[in-house]
């Protein structure tokens, strides 16, 4: 199945994904892969790494990941500022916004073993 026009809304895009993949895990994987590509295009200088990079490089045969891990080459403040600007500008009809969430604090796990997401 192919389409000759771009989707006009998120709802239309999601319906097209369901038309291609059904409503199960394959549809979820396709949505996440598309999101990784879109967000990856808007990232400031750096690299996508980890499971996200493996999923983009090797496709469906890799382990399933829902997050995006990235390495940056500048300070956290500079990266965040450039990323926010890029998300607002958008790419190929997609835009976004950066949402800050509290760092995880899993019960019973020493802080040294919890990934630090905001180091300068």
Protein backbone atom coordinates (compact mmCIF):
# COMPACT_ATOMS: atom_id res chain seq x y z
CA UNK A 1 0.00 0.00 0.00
CA UNK A 2 1.35 3.41 -0.95
CA UNK A 3 0.07 6.95 -0.60
CA UNK A 4 0.64 9.83 -3.00
CA UNK A 5 0.09 12.58 -0.44
CA UNK A 6 1.55 13.35 2.96
CA UNK A 7 -0.72 12.87 5.97
CA UNK A 8 -2.47 16.07 7.05
CA UNK A 9 -2.51 15.25 10.77
CA UNK A 10 -1.14 12.89 13.39
CA UNK A 11 -4.43 11.01 13.29
CA UNK A 12 -4.06 10.44 9.54
CA UNK A 13 -0.46 9.29 9.96
CA UNK A 14 -1.44 6.85 12.71
CA UNK A 15 -4.26 5.47 10.56
CA UNK A 16 -1.88 4.90 7.67
CA UNK A 17 0.50 3.05 9.98
CA UNK A 18 -2.39 0.85 11.17
CA UNK A 19 -3.34 0.23 7.53
CA UNK A 20 0.20 -0.97 6.84
CA UNK A 21 0.95 -2.87 10.05
CA UNK A 22 -2.32 -3.57 11.84
CA UNK A 23 -2.72 -2.44 15.42
CA UNK A 24 -0.20 -4.64 17.23
CA UNK A 25 3.50 -4.57 17.97
CA UNK A 26 4.53 -4.02 14.34
CA UNK A 27 2.56 -0.77 14.24
CA UNK A 28 4.19 0.36 17.49
CA UNK A 29 7.65 -0.49 16.15
CA UNK A 30 6.98 1.47 12.94
CA UNK A 31 5.74 4.50 14.91
CA UNK A 32 8.82 4.44 17.13
CA UNK A 33 11.18 3.98 14.16
CA UNK A 34 9.58 6.96 12.42
CA UNK A 35 9.86 9.03 15.60
CA UNK A 36 13.56 8.13 15.94
CA UNK A 37 14.22 9.28 12.38
CA UNK A 38 12.27 12.52 12.79
CA UNK A 39 13.81 13.46 16.14
CA UNK A 40 17.23 12.36 14.92
CA UNK A 41 16.97 14.87 12.08
CA UNK A 42 16.34 17.66 14.58
CA UNK A 43 19.09 16.76 17.07
CA UNK A 44 21.95 19.25 17.43
CA UNK A 45 25.48 18.08 16.67
CA UNK A 46 26.05 14.68 18.23
CA UNK A 47 25.05 11.08 17.59
CA UNK A 48 22.21 8.70 18.31
CA UNK A 49 23.57 5.74 20.27
CA UNK A 50 22.49 2.54 21.99
CA UNK A 51 19.36 0.60 21.11
CA UNK A 52 18.01 3.52 19.10
CA UNK A 53 21.05 3.52 16.81
CA UNK A 54 20.87 -0.26 16.43
CA UNK A 55 17.17 -0.09 15.54
CA UNK A 56 17.82 2.55 12.87
CA UNK A 57 20.80 0.69 11.43
CA UNK A 58 19.50 -2.89 11.48
CA UNK A 59 15.72 -2.47 11.55
CA UNK A 60 13.17 -4.84 13.02
CA UNK A 61 15.63 -7.62 13.77
CA UNK A 62 17.17 -5.64 16.65
CA UNK A 63 16.05 -5.29 20.23
CA UNK A 64 13.02 -3.10 20.77
CA UNK A 65 13.58 0.29 22.38
CA UNK A 66 11.20 3.14 23.12
CA UNK A 67 13.74 5.77 24.10
CA UNK A 68 16.33 7.77 22.23
CA UNK A 69 19.88 7.88 23.55
CA UNK A 70 22.14 10.60 22.19
CA UNK A 71 25.69 11.78 22.79
CA UNK A 72 26.39 15.50 22.59
CA UNK A 73 29.54 17.48 21.86
CA UNK A 74 28.61 20.65 23.73
CA UNK A 75 27.37 21.68 27.16
CA UNK A 76 23.95 20.48 28.24
CA UNK A 77 22.62 24.05 28.22
CA UNK A 78 23.85 24.62 24.65
CA UNK A 79 22.46 21.29 23.48
CA UNK A 80 19.06 21.95 25.06
CA UNK A 81 18.87 25.45 23.59
CA UNK A 82 19.73 24.29 20.06
CA UNK A 83 17.41 21.28 20.35
CA UNK A 84 14.48 23.44 21.49
CA UNK A 85 15.04 25.79 18.54
CA UNK A 86 15.28 22.88 16.11
CA UNK A 87 12.11 21.24 17.46
CA UNK A 88 10.21 24.53 17.10
CA UNK A 89 11.50 25.00 13.52
CA UNK A 90 10.61 21.42 12.68
CA UNK A 91 11.57 18.96 9.96
CA UNK A 92 9.45 17.63 7.08
CA UNK A 93 6.23 18.89 8.65
CA UNK A 94 7.00 17.60 12.15
CA UNK A 95 7.60 19.88 15.13
CA UNK A 96 8.10 19.19 18.80
CA UNK A 97 8.95 20.55 22.21
CA UNK A 98 11.42 19.49 24.84
CA UNK A 99 9.86 18.28 28.09
CA UNK A 100 11.99 18.05 31.23
CA UNK A 101 11.15 15.17 33.52
CA UNK A 102 12.60 14.30 36.92
CA UNK A 103 15.51 11.86 36.90
CA UNK A 104 14.56 8.27 37.77
CA UNK A 105 15.16 7.08 41.32
CA UNK A 106 14.52 3.32 41.25
CA UNK A 107 13.94 1.80 44.68
CA UNK A 108 16.86 -0.25 45.95
CA UNK A 109 19.26 0.80 43.18
CA UNK A 110 22.34 2.75 44.33
CA UNK A 111 22.59 6.20 42.66
CA UNK A 112 25.94 5.25 41.09
CA UNK A 113 24.11 2.68 38.94
CA UNK A 114 21.41 5.05 37.68
CA UNK A 115 22.21 6.81 34.40
CA UNK A 116 22.68 10.53 34.86
CA UNK A 117 20.75 12.26 32.09
CA UNK A 118 21.78 15.83 32.83
CA UNK A 119 25.52 16.11 33.25
CA UNK A 120 27.31 19.19 31.97
